[in-house]
Amino acid sequence: MSNREWLLGLIKRLNDLNNDITKIVLQKITFFLQELGEPCQYTFEGYKYGPFSHGLASEIQFLEQEGFIDIEGNSILFKDNTEPIREKDEKLDNRLTFLEKEIFNFDHSFNKMELLGTMLYCKMALEELGDETCKDNVFKEFKSWKGDKFTEEDLENAYQKVQYFLNKGKSEL
């Protein structure tokens, strides 16, 4: 299955769950799902509001230009007249449920998505460099990127969510 087919199926599922999907929300959810093992292959890099994939942004633009989705304001909507590309995917549904309930708490606010995505990205970047990924190092990396935009309490809560994601989500889903 191509990234494009996978993405269209994800947008449909998120719309079916009555989620208001924006480009930033789709970027962050895709980033987390890819880390859980979803069969998409986007390259994410550190960007202004957290991890960002230019390839994913291009796919979203293509899907809109080809008439598969509509973008109204900030919302991405699956077109009802589009043939479903994928059958029910229980693994994806379980991963989405886990993310919504356990990580995002059904909160797709811009700041929350930026905070959680950036925290996970920082931890993974340190791992990739072979550096120690203790909380102090992750916070230092986070603050070098985001400054004091978020409170210590925000960072602590996000770090705990990311740890839980990495421990439970990756092992059980």
N, C-alpha and C. Protein backbone atom coordinates (compact mmCIF):
# COMPACT_ATOMS: atom_id res chain seq x y z
N MET A 1 0.85 -1.18 0.00
CA MET A 1 0.00 0.00 0.00
C MET A 1 0.90 1.24 0.00
N SER A 2 0.54 2.21 -0.80
CA SER A 2 1.33 3.44 -0.89
C SER A 2 1.01 4.36 0.30
N ASN A 3 1.91 5.30 0.53
CA ASN A 3 1.67 6.32 1.56
C ASN A 3 0.36 7.05 1.30
N ARG A 4 0.11 7.32 0.03
CA ARG A 4 -1.10 8.07 -0.34
C ARG A 4 -2.36 7.29 0.03
N GLU A 5 -2.38 6.01 -0.29
CA GLU A 5 -3.54 5.18 0.07
C GLU A 5 -3.70 5.09 1.58
N TRP A 6 -2.58 4.91 2.27
CA TRP A 6 -2.61 4.84 3.73
C TRP A 6 -3.18 6.14 4.31
N LEU A 7 -2.68 7.27 3.80
CA LEU A 7 -3.11 8.57 4.30
C LEU A 7 -4.59 8.81 4.06
N LEU A 8 -5.07 8.49 2.88
CA LEU A 8 -6.49 8.68 2.58
C LEU A 8 -7.35 7.83 3.52
N GLY A 9 -6.92 6.61 3.78
CA GLY A 9 -7.64 5.76 4.73
C GLY A 9 -7.64 6.35 6.13
N LEU A 10 -6.52 6.93 6.55
CA LEU A 10 -6.43 7.56 7.87
C LEU A 10 -7.37 8.76 7.96
N ILE A 11 -7.38 9.60 6.94
CA ILE A 11 -8.26 10.77 6.96
C ILE A 11 -9.71 10.32 7.06
N LYS A 12 -10.08 9.30 6.31
CA LYS A 12 -11.45 8.78 6.37
C LYS A 12 -11.77 8.31 7.79
N ARG A 13 -10.89 7.54 8.39
CA ARG A 13 -11.13 7.04 9.75
C ARG A 13 -11.26 8.18 10.75
N LEU A 14 -10.38 9.16 10.65
CA LEU A 14 -10.44 10.29 11.59
C LEU A 14 -11.74 11.07 11.40
N ASN A 15 -12.15 11.28 10.16
CA ASN A 15 -13.43 11.95 9.91
C ASN A 15 -14.58 11.12 10.46
N ASP A 16 -14.54 9.80 10.29
CA ASP A 16 -15.59 8.92 10.80
C ASP A 16 -15.69 8.99 12.33
N LEU A 17 -14.55 9.24 12.97
CA LEU A 17 -14.54 9.37 14.44
C LEU A 17 -14.96 10.77 14.88
N ASN A 18 -15.38 11.59 13.91
CA ASN A 18 -15.80 12.97 14.18
C ASN A 18 -14.67 13.84 14.70
N ASN A 19 -13.47 13.51 14.33
CA ASN A 19 -12.33 14.34 14.72
C ASN A 19 -12.20 15.50 13.74
N ASP A 20 -11.97 16.68 14.27
CA ASP A 20 -11.65 17.82 13.44
C ASP A 20 -10.17 17.71 13.11
N ILE A 21 -9.87 17.42 11.88
CA ILE A 21 -8.49 17.21 11.48
C ILE A 21 -7.98 18.47 10.78
N THR A 22 -6.89 18.99 11.29
CA THR A 22 -6.19 20.07 10.62
C THR A 22 -4.88 19.51 10.09
N LYS A 23 -4.19 20.29 9.30
CA LYS A 23 -2.91 19.82 8.76
C LYS A 23 -1.93 19.51 9.89
N ILE A 24 -1.89 20.37 10.92
CA ILE A 24 -0.95 20.14 12.02
C ILE A 24 -1.33 18.89 12.81
N VAL A 25 -2.62 18.68 13.03
CA VAL A 25 -3.07 17.48 13.75
C VAL A 25 -2.72 16.24 12.93
N LEU A 26 -2.94 16.29 11.63
CA LEU A 26 -2.63 15.14 10.78
C LEU A 26 -1.13 14.86 10.77
N GLN A 27 -0.32 15.90 10.76
CA GLN A 27 1.14 15.72 10.83
C GLN A 27 1.52 14.99 12.13
N LYS A 28 0.98 15.45 13.25
CA LYS A 28 1.37 14.87 14.55
C LYS A 28 0.82 13.45 14.72
N ILE A 29 -0.44 13.23 14.35
CA ILE A 29 -1.00 11.89 14.48
C ILE A 29 -0.23 10.91 13.59
N THR A 30 0.11 11.33 12.38
CA THR A 30 0.88 10.47 11.48
C THR A 30 2.25 10.16 12.08
N PHE A 31 2.89 11.15 12.66
CA PHE A 31 4.20 10.96 13.30
C PHE A 31 4.10 9.90 14.39
N PHE A 32 3.11 10.01 15.26
CA PHE A 32 2.93 9.04 16.34
C PHE A 32 2.58 7.66 15.77
N LEU A 33 1.68 7.60 14.80
CA LEU A 33 1.28 6.31 14.23
C LEU A 33 2.46 5.61 13.54
N GLN A 34 3.28 6.38 12.86
CA GLN A 34 4.44 5.79 12.21
C GLN A 34 5.37 5.17 13.26
N GLU A 35 5.50 5.84 14.39
CA GLU A 35 6.34 5.30 15.47
C GLU A 35 5.74 4.05 16.08
N LEU A 36 4.43 3.89 15.98
CA LEU A 36 3.78 2.68 16.46
C LEU A 36 3.84 1.54 15.46
N GLY A 37 4.39 1.82 14.28
CA GLY A 37 4.58 0.76 13.30
C GLY A 37 3.63 0.77 12.13
N GLU A 38 2.85 1.84 11.98
CA GLU A 38 1.97 1.91 10.81
C GLU A 38 2.82 1.90 9.53
N PRO A 39 2.29 1.31 8.46
CA PRO A 39 3.10 1.11 7.25
C PRO A 39 3.21 2.33 6.35
N CYS A 40 3.43 3.47 6.94
CA CYS A 40 3.69 4.67 6.15
C CYS A 40 5.17 5.00 6.30
N GLN A 41 5.70 5.68 5.33
CA GLN A 41 7.13 5.97 5.36
C GLN A 41 7.36 7.44 5.04
N TYR A 42 7.09 8.27 6.01
CA TYR A 42 7.34 9.70 5.86
C TYR A 42 8.60 10.06 6.63
N THR A 43 9.34 11.01 6.11
CA THR A 43 10.52 11.51 6.79
C THR A 43 10.12 12.78 7.53
N PHE A 44 10.30 12.76 8.84
CA PHE A 44 9.97 13.92 9.67
C PHE A 44 11.25 14.62 10.09
N GLU A 45 11.17 15.92 10.16
CA GLU A 45 12.29 16.72 10.64
C GLU A 45 11.78 17.73 11.66
N GLY A 46 12.70 18.26 12.44
CA GLY A 46 12.33 19.30 13.39
C GLY A 46 11.94 20.56 12.64
N TYR A 47 10.81 21.12 13.01
CA TYR A 47 10.30 22.29 12.32
C TYR A 47 9.73 23.25 13.36
N LYS A 48 9.19 24.34 12.93
CA LYS A 48 8.74 25.39 13.85
C LYS A 48 7.78 24.88 14.93
N TYR A 49 6.82 24.04 14.55
CA TYR A 49 5.81 23.58 15.51
C TYR A 49 5.94 22.10 15.83
N GLY A 50 7.15 21.59 15.75
CA GLY A 50 7.38 20.19 16.07
C GLY A 50 7.71 19.40 14.82
N PRO A 51 7.64 18.07 14.92
CA PRO A 51 7.99 17.25 13.76
C PRO A 51 7.09 17.54 12.57
N PHE A 52 7.71 17.61 11.40
CA PHE A 52 6.99 17.97 10.18
C PHE A 52 7.55 17.15 9.03
N SER A 53 6.67 16.68 8.16
CA SER A 53 7.07 15.93 6.97
C SER A 53 6.65 16.70 5.73
N HIS A 54 7.63 17.07 4.94
CA HIS A 54 7.32 17.74 3.66
C HIS A 54 6.60 16.78 2.72
N GLY A 55 6.98 15.50 2.77
CA GLY A 55 6.32 14.50 1.94
C GLY A 55 4.84 14.36 2.29
N LEU A 56 4.53 14.37 3.57
CA LEU A 56 3.14 14.30 4.01
C LEU A 56 2.38 15.54 3.56
N ALA A 57 2.99 16.71 3.70
CA ALA A 57 2.35 17.95 3.25
C ALA A 57 2.05 17.89 1.75
N SER A 58 2.97 17.34 0.98
CA SER A 58 2.76 17.20 -0.46
C SER A 58 1.62 16.24 -0.77
N GLU A 59 1.55 15.14 -0.01
CA GLU A 59 0.46 14.17 -0.21
C GLU A 59 -0.90 14.80 0.08
N ILE A 60 -0.98 15.60 1.15
CA ILE A 60 -2.23 16.28 1.49
C ILE A 60 -2.64 17.21 0.35
N GLN A 61 -1.67 17.96 -0.15
CA GLN A 61 -1.95 18.88 -1.27
C GLN A 61 -2.42 18.11 -2.50
N PHE A 62 -1.76 16.99 -2.80
CA PHE A 62 -2.15 16.17 -3.95
C PHE A 62 -3.58 15.65 -3.78
N LEU A 63 -3.90 15.13 -2.59
CA LEU A 63 -5.24 14.59 -2.35
C LEU A 63 -6.32 15.66 -2.52
N GLU A 64 -5.99 16.88 -2.14
CA GLU A 64 -6.95 17.97 -2.34
C GLU A 64 -7.07 18.31 -3.83
N GLN A 65 -5.96 18.44 -4.52
CA GLN A 65 -5.98 18.79 -5.94
C GLN A 65 -6.70 17.74 -6.78
N GLU A 66 -6.59 16.47 -6.39
CA GLU A 66 -7.21 15.39 -7.15
C GLU A 66 -8.66 15.14 -6.73
N GLY A 67 -9.15 15.91 -5.75
CA GLY A 67 -10.55 15.82 -5.37
C GLY A 67 -10.91 14.73 -4.37
N PHE A 68 -9.90 14.14 -3.70
CA PHE A 68 -10.18 13.10 -2.70
C PHE A 68 -10.60 13.70 -1.36
N ILE A 69 -10.08 14.90 -1.07
CA ILE A 69 -10.40 15.58 0.19
C ILE A 69 -10.70 17.04 -0.10
N ASP A 70 -11.38 17.66 0.85
CA ASP A 70 -11.59 19.11 0.83
C ASP A 70 -10.88 19.70 2.03
N ILE A 71 -10.34 20.88 1.85
CA ILE A 71 -9.79 21.61 2.98
C ILE A 71 -10.63 22.87 3.12
N GLU A 72 -11.39 22.91 4.22
CA GLU A 72 -12.28 24.04 4.50
C GLU A 72 -11.76 24.74 5.73
N GLY A 73 -11.24 25.97 5.54
CA GLY A 73 -10.59 26.65 6.65
C GLY A 73 -9.35 25.85 7.02
N ASN A 74 -9.31 25.38 8.26
CA ASN A 74 -8.20 24.54 8.70
C ASN A 74 -8.55 23.06 8.70
N SER A 75 -9.79 22.72 8.38
CA SER A 75 -10.25 21.33 8.49
C SER A 75 -10.05 20.55 7.20
N ILE A 76 -9.60 19.30 7.36
CA ILE A 76 -9.45 18.39 6.24
C ILE A 76 -10.62 17.42 6.27
N LEU A 77 -11.35 17.36 5.16
CA LEU A 77 -12.55 16.52 5.10
C LEU A 77 -12.43 15.50 3.97
N PHE A 78 -12.72 14.26 4.29
CA PHE A 78 -12.79 13.19 3.31
C PHE A 78 -14.04 13.42 2.48
N LYS A 79 -13.91 13.38 1.16
CA LYS A 79 -15.09 13.58 0.30
C LYS A 79 -15.95 12.33 0.31
N ASP A 80 -17.22 12.52 0.56
CA ASP A 80 -18.15 11.39 0.64
C ASP A 80 -18.24 10.60 -0.66
N ASN A 81 -18.00 11.25 -1.77
CA ASN A 81 -18.12 10.56 -3.05
C ASN A 81 -16.84 9.79 -3.43
N THR A 82 -15.85 9.80 -2.56
CA THR A 82 -14.60 9.08 -2.82
C THR A 82 -14.77 7.62 -2.41
N GLU A 83 -14.37 6.73 -3.28
CA GLU A 83 -14.44 5.30 -2.96
C GLU A 83 -13.48 5.00 -1.81
N PRO A 84 -13.93 4.25 -0.82
CA PRO A 84 -13.01 3.88 0.25
C PRO A 84 -11.85 3.05 -0.30
N ILE A 85 -10.67 3.38 0.14
CA ILE A 85 -9.49 2.70 -0.39
C ILE A 85 -9.15 1.47 0.43
N ARG A 86 -9.46 1.50 1.72
CA ARG A 86 -9.07 0.39 2.59
C ARG A 86 -10.26 -0.18 3.31
N GLU A 87 -10.16 -1.46 3.54
CA GLU A 87 -11.15 -2.13 4.39
C GLU A 87 -10.83 -1.78 5.84
N LYS A 88 -11.69 -2.19 6.74
CA LYS A 88 -11.46 -1.95 8.16
C LYS A 88 -10.10 -2.49 8.56
N ASP A 89 -9.38 -1.68 9.32
CA ASP A 89 -8.04 -2.03 9.76
C ASP A 89 -8.03 -1.99 11.28
N GLU A 90 -8.18 -3.16 11.90
CA GLU A 90 -8.31 -3.22 13.35
C GLU A 90 -7.06 -2.71 14.07
N LYS A 91 -5.90 -2.99 13.51
CA LYS A 91 -4.66 -2.54 14.15
C LYS A 91 -4.58 -1.01 14.15
N LEU A 92 -4.90 -0.39 13.03
CA LEU A 92 -4.91 1.08 12.97
C LEU A 92 -5.96 1.62 13.93
N ASP A 93 -7.14 1.02 13.94
CA ASP A 93 -8.20 1.49 14.85
C ASP A 93 -7.75 1.40 16.31
N ASN A 94 -7.08 0.31 16.68
CA ASN A 94 -6.58 0.16 18.05
C ASN A 94 -5.51 1.21 18.37
N ARG A 95 -4.65 1.47 17.40
CA ARG A 95 -3.61 2.49 17.62
C ARG A 95 -4.21 3.88 17.75
N LEU A 96 -5.21 4.19 16.93
CA LEU A 96 -5.87 5.49 17.04
C LEU A 96 -6.59 5.63 18.37
N THR A 97 -7.26 4.59 18.80
CA THR A 97 -7.96 4.62 20.09
C THR A 97 -6.96 4.84 21.21
N PHE A 98 -5.84 4.15 21.18
CA PHE A 98 -4.80 4.32 22.19
C PHE A 98 -4.31 5.77 22.21
N LEU A 99 -3.99 6.31 21.03
CA LEU A 99 -3.51 7.69 20.98
C LEU A 99 -4.54 8.67 21.52
N GLU A 100 -5.78 8.53 21.08
CA GLU A 100 -6.83 9.46 21.50
C GLU A 100 -7.06 9.42 23.01
N LYS A 101 -7.21 8.20 23.55
CA LYS A 101 -7.55 8.06 24.96
C LYS A 101 -6.35 8.27 25.89
N GLU A 102 -5.23 7.67 25.54
CA GLU A 102 -4.10 7.60 26.46
C GLU A 102 -3.08 8.72 26.28
N ILE A 103 -2.94 9.24 25.09
CA ILE A 103 -1.89 10.22 24.83
C ILE A 103 -2.47 11.63 24.64
N PHE A 104 -3.42 11.78 23.72
CA PHE A 104 -3.97 13.11 23.42
C PHE A 104 -5.14 13.50 24.32
N ASN A 105 -5.75 12.54 24.98
CA ASN A 105 -6.95 12.80 25.80
C ASN A 105 -8.02 13.53 25.00
N PHE A 106 -8.17 13.15 23.74
CA PHE A 106 -9.16 13.75 22.84
C PHE A 106 -8.98 15.26 22.69
N ASP A 107 -7.77 15.74 22.93
CA ASP A 107 -7.46 17.17 22.85
C ASP A 107 -6.48 17.38 21.70
N HIS A 108 -6.97 17.99 20.61
CA HIS A 108 -6.13 18.26 19.45
C HIS A 108 -5.76 19.74 19.36
N SER A 109 -5.71 20.40 20.49
CA SER A 109 -5.35 21.82 20.45
C SER A 109 -3.94 21.96 19.87
N PHE A 110 -3.73 23.06 19.22
CA PHE A 110 -2.47 23.32 18.55
C PHE A 110 -1.29 23.15 19.52
N ASN A 111 -1.37 23.79 20.69
CA ASN A 111 -0.26 23.74 21.65
C ASN A 111 -0.01 22.32 22.15
N LYS A 112 -1.07 21.58 22.41
CA LYS A 112 -0.89 20.21 22.91
C LYS A 112 -0.23 19.33 21.86
N MET A 113 -0.66 19.44 20.63
CA MET A 113 -0.07 18.63 19.56
C MET A 113 1.39 19.01 19.33
N GLU A 114 1.68 20.30 19.38
CA GLU A 114 3.06 20.76 19.24
C GLU A 114 3.92 20.24 20.39
N LEU A 115 3.41 20.35 21.60
CA LEU A 115 4.14 19.92 22.80
C LEU A 115 4.46 18.43 22.76
N LEU A 116 3.45 17.60 22.53
CA LEU A 116 3.65 16.15 22.54
C LEU A 116 4.53 15.68 21.37
N GLY A 117 4.28 16.23 20.19
CA GLY A 117 5.08 15.85 19.03
C GLY A 117 6.54 16.24 19.21
N THR A 118 6.78 17.44 19.72
CA THR A 118 8.15 17.91 19.92
C THR A 118 8.85 17.08 20.99
N MET A 119 8.14 16.75 22.07
CA MET A 119 8.75 15.95 23.14
C MET A 119 9.19 14.59 22.60
N LEU A 120 8.32 13.93 21.84
CA LEU A 120 8.68 12.63 21.27
C LEU A 120 9.84 12.79 20.29
N TYR A 121 9.79 13.80 19.47
CA TYR A 121 10.85 14.02 18.49
C TYR A 121 12.20 14.22 19.18
N CYS A 122 12.23 15.02 20.25
CA CYS A 122 13.47 15.28 20.98
C CYS A 122 14.04 14.00 21.57
N LYS A 123 13.19 13.20 22.17
CA LYS A 123 13.64 11.94 22.76
C LYS A 123 14.21 11.02 21.68
N MET A 124 13.53 10.93 20.56
CA MET A 124 13.99 10.07 19.47
C MET A 124 15.28 10.61 18.85
N ALA A 125 15.40 11.93 18.74
CA ALA A 125 16.61 12.53 18.16
C ALA A 125 17.82 12.22 19.04
N LEU A 126 17.65 12.30 20.35
CA LEU A 126 18.75 11.97 21.26
C LEU A 126 19.13 10.50 21.12
N GLU A 127 18.14 9.63 21.03
CA GLU A 127 18.41 8.19 20.84
C GLU A 127 19.19 7.95 19.56
N GLU A 128 18.77 8.62 18.50
CA GLU A 128 19.42 8.44 17.20
C GLU A 128 20.87 8.89 17.24
N LEU A 129 21.16 9.92 18.04
CA LEU A 129 22.53 10.42 18.17
C LEU A 129 23.36 9.58 19.13
N GLY A 130 22.69 8.64 19.81
CA GLY A 130 23.40 7.81 20.79
C GLY A 130 23.58 8.49 22.13
N ASP A 131 22.86 9.59 22.36
CA ASP A 131 22.94 10.30 23.62
C ASP A 131 21.98 9.70 24.64
N GLU A 132 22.26 9.96 25.89
CA GLU A 132 21.38 9.47 26.96
C GLU A 132 20.04 10.19 26.87
N THR A 133 18.96 9.44 27.04
CA THR A 133 17.61 10.02 26.88
C THR A 133 16.91 10.20 28.22
N CYS A 134 17.69 10.53 29.25
CA CYS A 134 17.07 10.81 30.55
C CYS A 134 16.25 12.09 30.45
N LYS A 135 15.38 12.29 31.38
CA LYS A 135 14.46 13.43 31.36
C LYS A 135 15.20 14.75 31.24
N ASP A 136 16.28 14.94 32.00
CA ASP A 136 17.01 16.21 31.97
C ASP A 136 17.54 16.51 30.56
N ASN A 137 18.08 15.49 29.90
CA ASN A 137 18.60 15.70 28.54
C ASN A 137 17.49 15.99 27.55
N VAL A 138 16.38 15.30 27.69
CA VAL A 138 15.24 15.52 26.79
C VAL A 138 14.70 16.94 26.98
N PHE A 139 14.58 17.38 28.25
CA PHE A 139 14.10 18.74 28.54
C PHE A 139 15.07 19.78 27.98
N LYS A 140 16.36 19.52 28.13
CA LYS A 140 17.36 20.46 27.61
C LYS A 140 17.24 20.58 26.09
N GLU A 141 17.09 19.44 25.42
CA GLU A 141 16.91 19.45 23.96
C GLU A 141 15.63 20.19 23.58
N PHE A 142 14.56 19.90 24.30
CA PHE A 142 13.27 20.54 24.04
C PHE A 142 13.39 22.06 24.19
N LYS A 143 14.00 22.50 25.29
CA LYS A 143 14.11 23.95 25.56
C LYS A 143 15.04 24.64 24.57
N SER A 144 16.03 23.92 24.05
CA SER A 144 16.92 24.54 23.07
C SER A 144 16.15 24.84 21.78
N TRP A 145 15.07 24.11 21.57
CA TRP A 145 14.25 24.28 20.39
C TRP A 145 13.09 25.23 20.64
N LYS A 146 12.43 25.07 21.79
CA LYS A 146 11.19 25.81 22.07
C LYS A 146 11.35 26.93 23.08
N GLY A 147 12.51 27.03 23.72
CA GLY A 147 12.70 28.07 24.73
C GLY A 147 11.77 27.84 25.92
N ASP A 148 11.21 28.91 26.42
CA ASP A 148 10.32 28.84 27.57
C ASP A 148 8.84 28.91 27.18
N LYS A 149 8.52 28.48 26.00
CA LYS A 149 7.14 28.54 25.52
C LYS A 149 6.19 27.72 26.39
N PHE A 150 6.70 26.61 26.95
CA PHE A 150 5.88 25.73 27.77
C PHE A 150 6.40 25.71 29.21
N THR A 151 5.49 25.51 30.16
CA THR A 151 5.86 25.49 31.58
C THR A 151 6.54 24.17 31.92
N GLU A 152 7.21 24.14 33.07
CA GLU A 152 7.82 22.90 33.56
C GLU A 152 6.76 21.82 33.75
N GLU A 153 5.59 22.23 34.22
CA GLU A 153 4.50 21.26 34.40
C GLU A 153 4.07 20.69 33.05
N ASP A 154 3.98 21.55 32.03
CA ASP A 154 3.65 21.06 30.68
C ASP A 154 4.68 20.04 30.21
N LEU A 155 5.96 20.37 30.42
CA LEU A 155 7.02 19.47 29.98
C LEU A 155 6.96 18.14 30.73
N GLU A 156 6.74 18.22 32.03
CA GLU A 156 6.65 16.99 32.83
C GLU A 156 5.50 16.10 32.37
N ASN A 157 4.33 16.71 32.16
CA ASN A 157 3.17 15.94 31.69
C ASN A 157 3.42 15.33 30.31
N ALA A 158 4.01 16.11 29.42
CA ALA A 158 4.30 15.61 28.08
C ALA A 158 5.33 14.48 28.13
N TYR A 159 6.34 14.64 28.96
CA TYR A 159 7.37 13.60 29.07
C TYR A 159 6.76 12.29 29.57
N GLN A 160 5.88 12.39 30.56
CA GLN A 160 5.22 11.19 31.08
C GLN A 160 4.37 10.53 29.99
N LYS A 161 3.65 11.33 29.21
CA LYS A 161 2.84 10.78 28.12
C LYS A 161 3.72 10.09 27.08
N VAL A 162 4.84 10.71 26.74
CA VAL A 162 5.75 10.13 25.75
C VAL A 162 6.36 8.84 26.29
N GLN A 163 6.75 8.82 27.56
CA GLN A 163 7.29 7.60 28.16
C GLN A 163 6.25 6.48 28.10
N TYR A 164 5.02 6.82 28.45
CA TYR A 164 3.93 5.85 28.43
C TYR A 164 3.71 5.35 27.00
N PHE A 165 3.72 6.28 26.06
CA PHE A 165 3.58 5.93 24.64
C PHE A 165 4.66 4.95 24.22
N LEU A 166 5.89 5.26 24.55
CA LEU A 166 7.01 4.42 24.14
C LEU A 166 6.99 3.05 24.82
N ASN A 167 6.61 3.02 26.10
CA ASN A 167 6.61 1.77 26.85
C ASN A 167 5.41 0.90 26.52
N LYS A 168 4.22 1.47 26.59
CA LYS A 168 3.00 0.67 26.40
C LYS A 168 2.64 0.55 24.92
N GLY A 169 2.57 1.68 24.25
CA GLY A 169 2.11 1.70 22.86
C GLY A 169 2.97 0.87 21.93
N LYS A 170 4.27 1.05 22.00
CA LYS A 170 5.14 0.33 21.08
C LYS A 170 5.23 -1.15 21.40
N SER A 171 5.03 -1.50 22.67
CA SER A 171 5.13 -2.92 23.03
C SER A 171 3.84 -3.69 22.80
N GLU A 172 2.70 -3.02 22.93
CA GLU A 172 1.42 -3.72 22.87
C GLU A 172 0.65 -3.52 21.59
N LEU A 173 1.01 -2.53 20.81
CA LEU A 173 0.23 -2.25 19.60
C LEU A 173 1.07 -2.52 18.37
